[in-house]
Amino acid sequence: MLVYKILLPSEWAELQAVGRFDGSPLDRDSGFIHCSSRAQLPATAARFFGDQPRLVVVALDATRLGDAVRWEDASNGERFPHLYAALPAEAVVGVHHLAGAARIDQEIPWSIQ
């Protein structure tokens, strides 16, 4: 199963350089790394990244993350995948560079689940 993390380009560069991502300021404040299912990506991108001109969406193999991924209820009633560990580079199985949040549906194929 795949889950997705939306990153700023600088965060993607950090993940590549260090081999892991310890989370955005929001992630660290929450105590976990916020992820999304494929279907949740457009709304997540619009809500949290709508003003960003460039985004990187990484597809993560949830089996490589093991028990550190927990599906939990969010304030909107949906269940989201939360990662309770650093995101290791070896869990990344796909990378999508986007020209902003509105491009998610056009640039990430729905066949990538």
N, C-alpha and C. Protein backbone atom coordinates (compact mmCIF):
# COMPACT_ATOMS: atom_id res chain seq x y z
N MET A 1 0.84 -1.18 0.00
CA MET A 1 0.00 0.00 0.00
C MET A 1 0.88 1.24 0.00
N LEU A 2 0.44 2.24 -0.75
CA LEU A 2 1.18 3.50 -0.79
C LEU A 2 0.47 4.56 0.03
N VAL A 3 1.26 5.39 0.71
CA VAL A 3 0.79 6.62 1.33
C VAL A 3 1.68 7.72 0.79
N TYR A 4 1.25 8.95 0.96
CA TYR A 4 1.93 10.08 0.32
C TYR A 4 2.26 11.17 1.33
N LYS A 5 3.40 11.81 1.10
CA LYS A 5 3.80 12.97 1.90
C LYS A 5 4.05 14.12 0.94
N ILE A 6 3.45 15.27 1.22
CA ILE A 6 3.68 16.47 0.44
C ILE A 6 4.82 17.24 1.09
N LEU A 7 5.82 17.55 0.30
CA LEU A 7 7.02 18.25 0.79
C LEU A 7 7.25 19.54 0.02
N LEU A 8 7.85 20.49 0.67
CA LEU A 8 8.40 21.64 -0.03
C LEU A 8 9.70 21.19 -0.70
N PRO A 9 10.13 21.85 -1.76
CA PRO A 9 11.39 21.45 -2.40
C PRO A 9 12.57 21.41 -1.43
N SER A 10 12.64 22.34 -0.49
CA SER A 10 13.74 22.34 0.48
C SER A 10 13.68 21.12 1.39
N GLU A 11 12.48 20.66 1.71
CA GLU A 11 12.33 19.46 2.54
C GLU A 11 12.74 18.22 1.77
N TRP A 12 12.41 18.17 0.48
CA TRP A 12 12.83 17.06 -0.37
C TRP A 12 14.36 17.03 -0.46
N ALA A 13 14.97 18.18 -0.62
CA ALA A 13 16.44 18.25 -0.66
C ALA A 13 17.04 17.74 0.64
N GLU A 14 16.42 18.09 1.77
CA GLU A 14 16.89 17.60 3.07
C GLU A 14 16.79 16.07 3.15
N LEU A 15 15.67 15.53 2.71
CA LEU A 15 15.50 14.07 2.74
C LEU A 15 16.57 13.39 1.89
N GLN A 16 16.83 13.94 0.73
CA GLN A 16 17.85 13.36 -0.14
C GLN A 16 19.25 13.47 0.48
N ALA A 17 19.56 14.61 1.07
CA ALA A 17 20.90 14.84 1.61
C ALA A 17 21.17 14.02 2.86
N VAL A 18 20.17 13.93 3.73
CA VAL A 18 20.36 13.29 5.04
C VAL A 18 19.95 11.82 5.03
N GLY A 19 19.07 11.46 4.09
CA GLY A 19 18.59 10.09 4.03
C GLY A 19 17.34 9.86 4.85
N ARG A 20 16.80 10.92 5.43
CA ARG A 20 15.55 10.83 6.19
C ARG A 20 14.96 12.23 6.32
N PHE A 21 13.69 12.27 6.66
CA PHE A 21 13.01 13.54 6.90
C PHE A 21 12.36 13.45 8.28
N ASP A 22 12.70 14.40 9.13
CA ASP A 22 12.21 14.39 10.50
C ASP A 22 10.92 15.18 10.68
N GLY A 23 10.39 15.73 9.61
CA GLY A 23 9.11 16.40 9.66
C GLY A 23 9.21 17.90 9.50
N SER A 24 8.09 18.46 9.05
CA SER A 24 7.94 19.91 8.93
C SER A 24 7.67 20.47 10.33
N PRO A 25 7.65 21.79 10.46
CA PRO A 25 7.27 22.35 11.77
C PRO A 25 5.90 21.86 12.25
N LEU A 26 4.93 21.76 11.35
CA LEU A 26 3.61 21.25 11.73
C LEU A 26 3.70 19.80 12.19
N ASP A 27 4.47 18.99 11.46
CA ASP A 27 4.65 17.59 11.85
C ASP A 27 5.25 17.49 13.25
N ARG A 28 6.31 18.24 13.48
CA ARG A 28 6.98 18.17 14.79
C ARG A 28 6.06 18.64 15.91
N ASP A 29 5.26 19.68 15.65
CA ASP A 29 4.30 20.15 16.66
C ASP A 29 3.23 19.11 16.94
N SER A 30 2.87 18.33 15.92
CA SER A 30 1.83 17.31 16.07
C SER A 30 2.36 16.02 16.70
N GLY A 31 3.66 15.80 16.62
CA GLY A 31 4.25 14.58 17.16
C GLY A 31 4.28 13.43 16.18
N PHE A 32 3.97 13.69 14.93
CA PHE A 32 4.02 12.67 13.88
C PHE A 32 4.11 13.37 12.53
N ILE A 33 4.48 12.62 11.51
CA ILE A 33 4.56 13.16 10.15
C ILE A 33 3.22 12.91 9.47
N HIS A 34 2.60 13.99 9.02
CA HIS A 34 1.30 13.93 8.35
C HIS A 34 1.47 13.36 6.94
N CYS A 35 0.68 12.36 6.63
CA CYS A 35 0.66 11.78 5.29
C CYS A 35 -0.79 11.75 4.81
N SER A 36 -0.97 11.32 3.58
CA SER A 36 -2.31 11.24 2.98
C SER A 36 -2.41 9.99 2.13
N SER A 37 -3.65 9.56 1.90
CA SER A 37 -3.90 8.56 0.89
C SER A 37 -3.89 9.28 -0.46
N ARG A 38 -3.93 8.54 -1.56
CA ARG A 38 -3.97 9.18 -2.88
C ARG A 38 -5.21 10.05 -3.02
N ALA A 39 -6.34 9.56 -2.55
CA ALA A 39 -7.59 10.30 -2.68
C ALA A 39 -7.60 11.58 -1.84
N GLN A 40 -6.83 11.62 -0.77
CA GLN A 40 -6.79 12.79 0.12
C GLN A 40 -5.82 13.87 -0.35
N LEU A 41 -4.96 13.57 -1.30
CA LEU A 41 -3.92 14.51 -1.71
C LEU A 41 -4.44 15.87 -2.18
N PRO A 42 -5.43 15.93 -3.08
CA PRO A 42 -5.86 17.26 -3.54
C PRO A 42 -6.33 18.18 -2.42
N ALA A 43 -7.14 17.67 -1.51
CA ALA A 43 -7.65 18.50 -0.42
C ALA A 43 -6.53 18.90 0.54
N THR A 44 -5.64 17.97 0.83
CA THR A 44 -4.51 18.28 1.72
C THR A 44 -3.63 19.36 1.10
N ALA A 45 -3.34 19.21 -0.18
CA ALA A 45 -2.49 20.19 -0.87
C ALA A 45 -3.14 21.57 -0.87
N ALA A 46 -4.43 21.61 -1.17
CA ALA A 46 -5.12 22.91 -1.21
C ALA A 46 -5.17 23.55 0.17
N ARG A 47 -5.42 22.76 1.19
CA ARG A 47 -5.56 23.31 2.55
C ARG A 47 -4.25 23.81 3.13
N PHE A 48 -3.19 23.05 2.96
CA PHE A 48 -1.93 23.37 3.63
C PHE A 48 -0.85 23.95 2.73
N PHE A 49 -0.98 23.77 1.40
CA PHE A 49 0.09 24.17 0.50
C PHE A 49 -0.41 25.01 -0.68
N GLY A 50 -1.60 25.55 -0.58
CA GLY A 50 -2.21 26.26 -1.69
C GLY A 50 -1.42 27.43 -2.22
N ASP A 51 -0.61 28.06 -1.36
CA ASP A 51 0.15 29.24 -1.78
C ASP A 51 1.58 28.91 -2.22
N GLN A 52 1.93 27.64 -2.23
CA GLN A 52 3.29 27.24 -2.59
C GLN A 52 3.41 27.05 -4.10
N PRO A 53 4.40 27.67 -4.74
CA PRO A 53 4.53 27.55 -6.19
C PRO A 53 5.10 26.21 -6.65
N ARG A 54 5.81 25.51 -5.80
CA ARG A 54 6.41 24.22 -6.16
C ARG A 54 6.22 23.26 -4.99
N LEU A 55 5.88 22.02 -5.32
CA LEU A 55 5.72 20.97 -4.32
C LEU A 55 6.38 19.70 -4.82
N VAL A 56 6.72 18.85 -3.88
CA VAL A 56 7.20 17.51 -4.21
C VAL A 56 6.32 16.54 -3.43
N VAL A 57 5.71 15.61 -4.14
CA VAL A 57 4.89 14.59 -3.49
C VAL A 57 5.65 13.28 -3.60
N VAL A 58 5.91 12.67 -2.45
CA VAL A 58 6.60 11.39 -2.46
C VAL A 58 5.61 10.29 -2.12
N ALA A 59 5.69 9.22 -2.90
CA ALA A 59 4.90 8.02 -2.64
C ALA A 59 5.74 7.13 -1.75
N LEU A 60 5.13 6.66 -0.68
CA LEU A 60 5.85 5.86 0.32
C LEU A 60 5.26 4.46 0.39
N ASP A 61 6.12 3.48 0.41
CA ASP A 61 5.69 2.10 0.59
C ASP A 61 5.42 1.90 2.08
N ALA A 62 4.14 1.83 2.46
CA ALA A 62 3.77 1.74 3.87
C ALA A 62 4.32 0.48 4.53
N THR A 63 4.54 -0.58 3.75
CA THR A 63 5.08 -1.80 4.37
C THR A 63 6.52 -1.59 4.83
N ARG A 64 7.25 -0.70 4.18
CA ARG A 64 8.62 -0.40 4.60
C ARG A 64 8.64 0.45 5.87
N LEU A 65 7.51 1.06 6.18
CA LEU A 65 7.42 1.90 7.39
C LEU A 65 6.90 1.11 8.58
N GLY A 66 6.31 -0.03 8.32
CA GLY A 66 5.86 -0.93 9.38
C GLY A 66 4.84 -0.32 10.32
N ASP A 67 4.97 -0.67 11.58
CA ASP A 67 4.02 -0.23 12.61
C ASP A 67 4.11 1.26 12.92
N ALA A 68 5.09 1.95 12.35
CA ALA A 68 5.21 3.39 12.59
C ALA A 68 4.09 4.17 11.90
N VAL A 69 3.39 3.53 10.94
CA VAL A 69 2.25 4.18 10.28
C VAL A 69 0.98 3.76 10.99
N ARG A 70 0.21 4.76 11.39
CA ARG A 70 -1.09 4.51 12.03
C ARG A 70 -2.14 5.34 11.34
N TRP A 71 -3.25 4.72 11.01
CA TRP A 71 -4.38 5.42 10.42
C TRP A 71 -5.24 5.94 11.57
N GLU A 72 -5.38 7.27 11.61
CA GLU A 72 -6.07 7.88 12.74
C GLU A 72 -7.08 8.91 12.25
N ASP A 73 -8.11 9.12 13.09
CA ASP A 73 -9.15 10.09 12.77
C ASP A 73 -8.59 11.50 12.84
N ALA A 74 -8.98 12.32 11.89
CA ALA A 74 -8.62 13.74 11.87
C ALA A 74 -9.85 14.54 12.29
N SER A 75 -9.67 15.83 12.46
CA SER A 75 -10.76 16.70 12.91
C SER A 75 -11.92 16.75 11.91
N ASN A 76 -11.66 16.42 10.64
CA ASN A 76 -12.72 16.43 9.63
C ASN A 76 -13.44 15.09 9.52
N GLY A 77 -13.10 14.14 10.40
CA GLY A 77 -13.75 12.84 10.40
C GLY A 77 -13.11 11.80 9.51
N GLU A 78 -12.16 12.20 8.67
CA GLU A 78 -11.46 11.24 7.81
C GLU A 78 -10.34 10.56 8.59
N ARG A 79 -9.94 9.40 8.11
CA ARG A 79 -8.78 8.70 8.68
C ARG A 79 -7.58 8.97 7.79
N PHE A 80 -6.50 9.46 8.41
CA PHE A 80 -5.28 9.78 7.69
C PHE A 80 -4.13 8.92 8.20
N PRO A 81 -3.16 8.62 7.32
CA PRO A 81 -1.97 7.91 7.78
C PRO A 81 -1.01 8.89 8.46
N HIS A 82 -0.59 8.54 9.65
CA HIS A 82 0.38 9.34 10.40
C HIS A 82 1.61 8.48 10.63
N LEU A 83 2.77 9.06 10.44
CA LEU A 83 4.03 8.35 10.60
C LEU A 83 4.68 8.77 11.90
N TYR A 84 4.82 7.84 12.81
CA TYR A 84 5.41 8.10 14.13
C TYR A 84 6.88 7.69 14.14
N ALA A 85 7.63 8.22 13.22
CA ALA A 85 9.07 7.97 13.10
C ALA A 85 9.58 8.92 12.02
N ALA A 86 10.88 9.01 11.90
CA ALA A 86 11.45 9.75 10.77
C ALA A 86 11.09 9.02 9.48
N LEU A 87 10.94 9.78 8.43
CA LEU A 87 10.64 9.20 7.12
C LEU A 87 11.96 8.81 6.47
N PRO A 88 12.23 7.51 6.32
CA PRO A 88 13.50 7.11 5.71
C PRO A 88 13.45 7.17 4.18
N ALA A 89 14.54 7.56 3.58
CA ALA A 89 14.60 7.67 2.12
C ALA A 89 14.27 6.34 1.44
N GLU A 90 14.61 5.23 2.06
CA GLU A 90 14.36 3.94 1.42
C GLU A 90 12.88 3.58 1.33
N ALA A 91 12.00 4.32 2.00
CA ALA A 91 10.56 4.08 1.88
C ALA A 91 9.97 4.80 0.67
N VAL A 92 10.71 5.73 0.07
CA VAL A 92 10.23 6.49 -1.08
C VAL A 92 10.30 5.62 -2.33
N VAL A 93 9.14 5.41 -2.96
CA VAL A 93 9.08 4.59 -4.17
C VAL A 93 8.63 5.38 -5.39
N GLY A 94 8.30 6.65 -5.19
CA GLY A 94 7.91 7.51 -6.30
C GLY A 94 8.06 8.97 -5.90
N VAL A 95 8.43 9.80 -6.86
CA VAL A 95 8.63 11.24 -6.61
C VAL A 95 7.94 12.01 -7.72
N HIS A 96 7.13 12.98 -7.32
CA HIS A 96 6.38 13.80 -8.27
C HIS A 96 6.65 15.26 -7.96
N HIS A 97 7.27 15.97 -8.89
CA HIS A 97 7.53 17.41 -8.76
C HIS A 97 6.37 18.14 -9.40
N LEU A 98 5.74 19.04 -8.64
CA LEU A 98 4.54 19.71 -9.11
C LEU A 98 4.70 21.22 -9.13
N ALA A 99 3.99 21.83 -10.07
CA ALA A 99 3.94 23.29 -10.15
C ALA A 99 2.74 23.77 -9.35
N GLY A 100 2.76 23.52 -8.05
CA GLY A 100 1.70 23.98 -7.16
C GLY A 100 0.65 22.96 -6.85
N ALA A 101 -0.15 23.26 -5.81
CA ALA A 101 -1.14 22.33 -5.29
C ALA A 101 -2.22 21.96 -6.30
N ALA A 102 -2.60 22.89 -7.14
CA ALA A 102 -3.67 22.63 -8.10
C ALA A 102 -3.28 21.59 -9.15
N ARG A 103 -2.02 21.27 -9.27
CA ARG A 103 -1.54 20.35 -10.30
C ARG A 103 -1.56 18.88 -9.87
N ILE A 104 -1.96 18.59 -8.65
CA ILE A 104 -1.88 17.21 -8.17
C ILE A 104 -2.65 16.25 -9.06
N ASP A 105 -3.89 16.55 -9.36
CA ASP A 105 -4.68 15.62 -10.17
C ASP A 105 -4.17 15.48 -11.60
N GLN A 106 -3.54 16.53 -12.13
CA GLN A 106 -3.03 16.47 -13.49
C GLN A 106 -1.67 15.77 -13.58
N GLU A 107 -0.88 15.83 -12.53
CA GLU A 107 0.50 15.37 -12.62
C GLU A 107 0.80 14.07 -11.87
N ILE A 108 -0.13 13.62 -11.04
CA ILE A 108 0.08 12.33 -10.37
C ILE A 108 -1.00 11.38 -10.88
N PRO A 109 -0.62 10.38 -11.63
CA PRO A 109 -1.61 9.47 -12.21
C PRO A 109 -2.44 8.76 -11.13
N TRP A 110 -3.72 8.65 -11.37
CA TRP A 110 -4.59 7.93 -10.42
C TRP A 110 -4.24 6.47 -10.36
N SER A 111 -3.57 5.96 -11.39
CA SER A 111 -3.20 4.54 -11.38
C SER A 111 -2.13 4.25 -10.33
N ILE A 112 -1.47 5.29 -9.83
CA ILE A 112 -0.47 5.10 -8.78
C ILE A 112 -1.20 5.13 -7.45
N GLN A 113 -1.51 3.99 -6.93
CA GLN A 113 -2.24 3.88 -5.68
C GLN A 113 -1.30 3.43 -4.61
